[in-house]
Amino acid sequence: MSPVDSPILIPVARLRREELEKFRNAPFEKMIKFAVDIRAARIALGGEMHADGEAELLRAGSAQADIWGGNLWPWDDPPRIEFISLINIRPSADNMGMDIARDDIRRAALDVLRRWVELP
């Protein structure tokens, strides 16, 4: 898969770890960018930028205020998750940096990720 082919998926069923292989090298070797809608509990996986997933969630009816971004390294042992993204810079929500500052939002984003992606 070339770097131009960066699939974005809003899953309708929980993804097994093996199913994440389609995101390897698309465009990142071992990392998958994701955007989550913490109110609707849905996720968009893939793309070159978190804004790509955010755009898909917006097209699917999400509100921008409910969307937060992060990165997943599912092939690390243990898998690694971080909530750092440009789409997280949101002064109106008292989130002044790229990391999700509020614990409740971070927990909600992690819950959505774990709902849709099988991780150990």
C-alpha atoms as a PDB file:
ATOM      1  CA  MET A   1       0.000   0.000   0.000  1.00  0.00           C
ATOM      2  CA  SER A   2       1.457   3.367  -0.920  1.00  0.00           C
ATOM      3  CA  PRO A   3       1.432   6.367   1.430  1.00  0.00           C
ATOM      4  CA  VAL A   4      -1.284   7.885  -0.760  1.00  0.00           C
ATOM      5  CA  ASP A   5      -3.580   4.989   0.133  1.00  0.00           C
ATOM      6  CA  SER A   6      -4.549   5.967   3.669  1.00  0.00           C
ATOM      7  CA  PRO A   7      -7.837   4.232   4.392  1.00  0.00           C
ATOM      8  CA  ILE A   8     -10.155   5.700   7.003  1.00  0.00           C
ATOM      9  CA  LEU A   9     -12.594   3.335   8.618  1.00  0.00           C
ATOM     10  CA  ILE A  10     -15.560   3.969  10.882  1.00  0.00           C
ATOM     11  CA  PRO A  11     -16.158   0.390  12.023  1.00  0.00           C
ATOM     12  CA  VAL A  12     -19.596  -1.136  12.439  1.00  0.00           C
ATOM     13  CA  ALA A  13     -18.240  -4.106  14.394  1.00  0.00           C
ATOM     14  CA  ARG A  14     -15.396  -4.465  16.868  1.00  0.00           C
ATOM     15  CA  LEU A  15     -12.046  -4.932  15.136  1.00  0.00           C
ATOM     16  CA  ARG A  16      -9.773  -7.789  16.094  1.00  0.00           C
ATOM     17  CA  ARG A  17      -6.094  -6.997  16.333  1.00  0.00           C
ATOM     18  CA  GLU A  18      -5.416  -8.949  13.104  1.00  0.00           C
ATOM     19  CA  GLU A  19      -7.858  -6.723  11.225  1.00  0.00           C
ATOM     20  CA  LEU A  20      -5.676  -3.703  12.005  1.00  0.00           C
ATOM     21  CA  GLU A  21      -3.026  -5.019   9.590  1.00  0.00           C
ATOM     22  CA  LYS A  22      -4.734  -3.082   6.765  1.00  0.00           C
ATOM     23  CA  PHE A  23      -3.487   0.095   8.484  1.00  0.00           C
ATOM     24  CA  ARG A  24       0.157  -0.970   8.655  1.00  0.00           C
ATOM     25  CA  ASN A  25       2.232   1.301   6.380  1.00  0.00           C
ATOM     26  CA  ALA A  26      -0.903   3.251   5.493  1.00  0.00           C
ATOM     27  CA  PRO A  27       0.757   5.690   5.889  1.00  0.00           C
ATOM     28  CA  PHE A  28       2.607   4.932   9.152  1.00  0.00           C
ATOM     29  CA  GLU A  29       4.545   1.726   9.663  1.00  0.00           C
ATOM     30  CA  LYS A  30       3.368   0.877  13.175  1.00  0.00           C
ATOM     31  CA  MET A  31       0.991   3.650  14.228  1.00  0.00           C
ATOM     32  CA  ILE A  32      -2.690   4.258  13.517  1.00  0.00           C
ATOM     33  CA  LYS A  33      -4.173   7.713  13.963  1.00  0.00           C
ATOM     34  CA  PHE A  34      -7.709   7.800  15.284  1.00  0.00           C
ATOM     35  CA  ALA A  35     -10.461  10.258  16.101  1.00  0.00           C
ATOM     36  CA  VAL A  36     -13.239   9.411  18.539  1.00  0.00           C
ATOM     37  CA  ASP A  37     -16.671  10.884  19.085  1.00  0.00           C
ATOM     38  CA  ILE A  38     -17.079  10.550  22.845  1.00  0.00           C
ATOM     39  CA  ARG A  39     -20.816  11.328  22.775  1.00  0.00           C
ATOM     40  CA  ALA A  40     -21.839   8.941  19.971  1.00  0.00           C
ATOM     41  CA  ALA A  41     -19.166   6.385  20.999  1.00  0.00           C
ATOM     42  CA  ARG A  42     -17.778   5.899  17.504  1.00  0.00           C
ATOM     43  CA  ILE A  43     -14.283   5.968  16.075  1.00  0.00           C
ATOM     44  CA  ALA A  44     -12.564   6.737  12.790  1.00  0.00           C
ATOM     45  CA  LEU A  45      -9.267   4.919  12.285  1.00  0.00           C
ATOM     46  CA  GLY A  46      -6.543   5.712   9.758  1.00  0.00           C
ATOM     47  CA  GLY A  47      -5.501   8.623   7.615  1.00  0.00           C
ATOM     48  CA  GLU A  48      -2.431  10.813   7.510  1.00  0.00           C
ATOM     49  CA  MET A  49      -3.810  13.368   9.964  1.00  0.00           C
ATOM     50  CA  HIS A  50      -6.295  13.218  12.805  1.00  0.00           C
ATOM     51  CA  ALA A  51      -8.283  15.808  10.882  1.00  0.00           C
ATOM     52  CA  ASP A  52      -8.953  13.131   8.216  1.00  0.00           C
ATOM     53  CA  GLY A  53     -10.778  10.963  10.753  1.00  0.00           C
ATOM     54  CA  GLU A  54     -12.427  14.024  12.260  1.00  0.00           C
ATOM     55  CA  ALA A  55     -13.782  14.945   8.814  1.00  0.00           C
ATOM     56  CA  GLU A  56     -15.264  11.463   8.350  1.00  0.00           C
ATOM     57  CA  LEU A  57     -16.950  11.613  11.753  1.00  0.00           C
ATOM     58  CA  LEU A  58     -18.342  15.062  10.942  1.00  0.00           C
ATOM     59  CA  ARG A  59     -19.731  13.697   7.646  1.00  0.00           C
ATOM     60  CA  ALA A  60     -21.316  10.886   9.670  1.00  0.00           C
ATOM     61  CA  GLY A  61     -23.125  13.410  11.882  1.00  0.00           C
ATOM     62  CA  SER A  62     -20.771  13.940  14.822  1.00  0.00           C
ATOM     63  CA  ALA A  63     -20.409  17.334  16.470  1.00  0.00           C
ATOM     64  CA  GLN A  64     -16.883  18.773  16.380  1.00  0.00           C
ATOM     65  CA  ALA A  65     -16.956  19.473  20.135  1.00  0.00           C
ATOM     66  CA  ASP A  66     -17.295  15.711  20.781  1.00  0.00           C
ATOM     67  CA  ILE A  67     -14.330  14.625  18.615  1.00  0.00           C
ATOM     68  CA  TRP A  68     -10.868  14.026  20.085  1.00  0.00           C
ATOM     69  CA  GLY A  69      -7.744  12.563  18.517  1.00  0.00           C
ATOM     70  CA  GLY A  70      -5.053  10.084  19.412  1.00  0.00           C
ATOM     71  CA  ASN A  71      -2.507   7.565  18.203  1.00  0.00           C
ATOM     72  CA  LEU A  72      -2.418   3.803  18.592  1.00  0.00           C
ATOM     73  CA  TRP A  73       0.580   1.493  18.316  1.00  0.00           C
ATOM     74  CA  PRO A  74      -1.264  -1.861  18.388  1.00  0.00           C
ATOM     75  CA  TRP A  75       1.840  -3.913  17.591  1.00  0.00           C
ATOM     76  CA  ASP A  76       3.889  -2.645  20.546  1.00  0.00           C
ATOM     77  CA  ASP A  77       4.023  -4.962  23.540  1.00  0.00           C
ATOM     78  CA  PRO A  78       1.990  -3.813  25.335  1.00  0.00           C
ATOM     79  CA  PRO A  79       0.035  -1.725  22.823  1.00  0.00           C
ATOM     80  CA  ARG A  80       0.615   1.997  23.285  1.00  0.00           C
ATOM     81  CA  ILE A  81      -2.024   4.729  23.184  1.00  0.00           C
ATOM     82  CA  GLU A  82      -1.524   8.469  23.348  1.00  0.00           C
ATOM     83  CA  PHE A  83      -4.025  11.277  23.105  1.00  0.00           C
ATOM     84  CA  ILE A  84      -1.893  13.872  21.350  1.00  0.00           C
ATOM     85  CA  SER A  85      -3.332  15.635  18.318  1.00  0.00           C
ATOM     86  CA  LEU A  86      -3.702  19.081  16.813  1.00  0.00           C
ATOM     87  CA  ILE A  87      -7.484  18.593  16.830  1.00  0.00           C
ATOM     88  CA  ASN A  88      -7.323  18.451  20.632  1.00  0.00           C
ATOM     89  CA  ILE A  89      -6.218  22.089  20.908  1.00  0.00           C
ATOM     90  CA  ARG A  90      -9.474  23.584  22.034  1.00  0.00           C
ATOM     91  CA  PRO A  91      -9.374  26.707  24.222  1.00  0.00           C
ATOM     92  CA  SER A  92     -13.191  26.762  24.408  1.00  0.00           C
ATOM     93  CA  ALA A  93     -13.009  23.416  26.255  1.00  0.00           C
ATOM     94  CA  ASP A  94     -10.047  24.524  28.418  1.00  0.00           C
ATOM     95  CA  ASN A  95      -7.765  22.222  26.440  1.00  0.00           C
ATOM     96  CA  MET A  96      -4.863  24.459  25.541  1.00  0.00           C
ATOM     97  CA  GLY A  97      -2.461  21.814  24.233  1.00  0.00           C
ATOM     98  CA  MET A  98      -2.362  18.830  21.903  1.00  0.00           C
ATOM     99  CA  ASP A  99      -2.777  16.331  24.781  1.00  0.00           C
ATOM    100  CA  ILE A 100      -6.238  15.736  26.275  1.00  0.00           C
ATOM    101  CA  ALA A 101      -5.959  17.488  29.638  1.00  0.00           C
ATOM    102  CA  ARG A 102      -9.250  16.457  31.268  1.00  0.00           C
ATOM    103  CA  ASP A 103      -9.285  12.981  32.793  1.00  0.00           C
ATOM    104  CA  ASP A 104     -12.992  12.460  32.076  1.00  0.00           C
ATOM    105  CA  ILE A 105     -12.525  13.162  28.361  1.00  0.00           C
ATOM    106  CA  ARG A 106      -9.382  11.009  28.224  1.00  0.00           C
ATOM    107  CA  ARG A 107     -11.239   8.113  29.910  1.00  0.00           C
ATOM    108  CA  ALA A 108     -14.204   8.507  27.546  1.00  0.00           C
ATOM    109  CA  ALA A 109     -11.881   8.500  24.510  1.00  0.00           C
ATOM    110  CA  LEU A 110     -10.127   5.366  25.794  1.00  0.00           C
ATOM    111  CA  ASP A 111     -13.488   3.670  26.406  1.00  0.00           C
ATOM    112  CA  VAL A 112     -14.537   4.363  22.799  1.00  0.00           C
ATOM    113  CA  LEU A 113     -11.220   3.049  21.468  1.00  0.00           C
ATOM    114  CA  ARG A 114     -11.496  -0.153  23.535  1.00  0.00           C
ATOM    115  CA  ARG A 115     -15.127  -0.608  22.485  1.00  0.00           C
ATOM    116  CA  TRP A 116     -14.186  -0.712  18.805  1.00  0.00           C
ATOM    117  CA  VAL A 117     -10.632  -2.123  18.850  1.00  0.00           C
ATOM    118  CA  GLU A 118      -9.657  -5.347  20.581  1.00  0.00           C
ATOM    119  CA  LEU A 119      -6.527  -4.736  22.632  1.00  0.00           C
ATOM    120  CA  PRO A 120      -4.904  -6.950  25.256  1.00  0.00           C
END
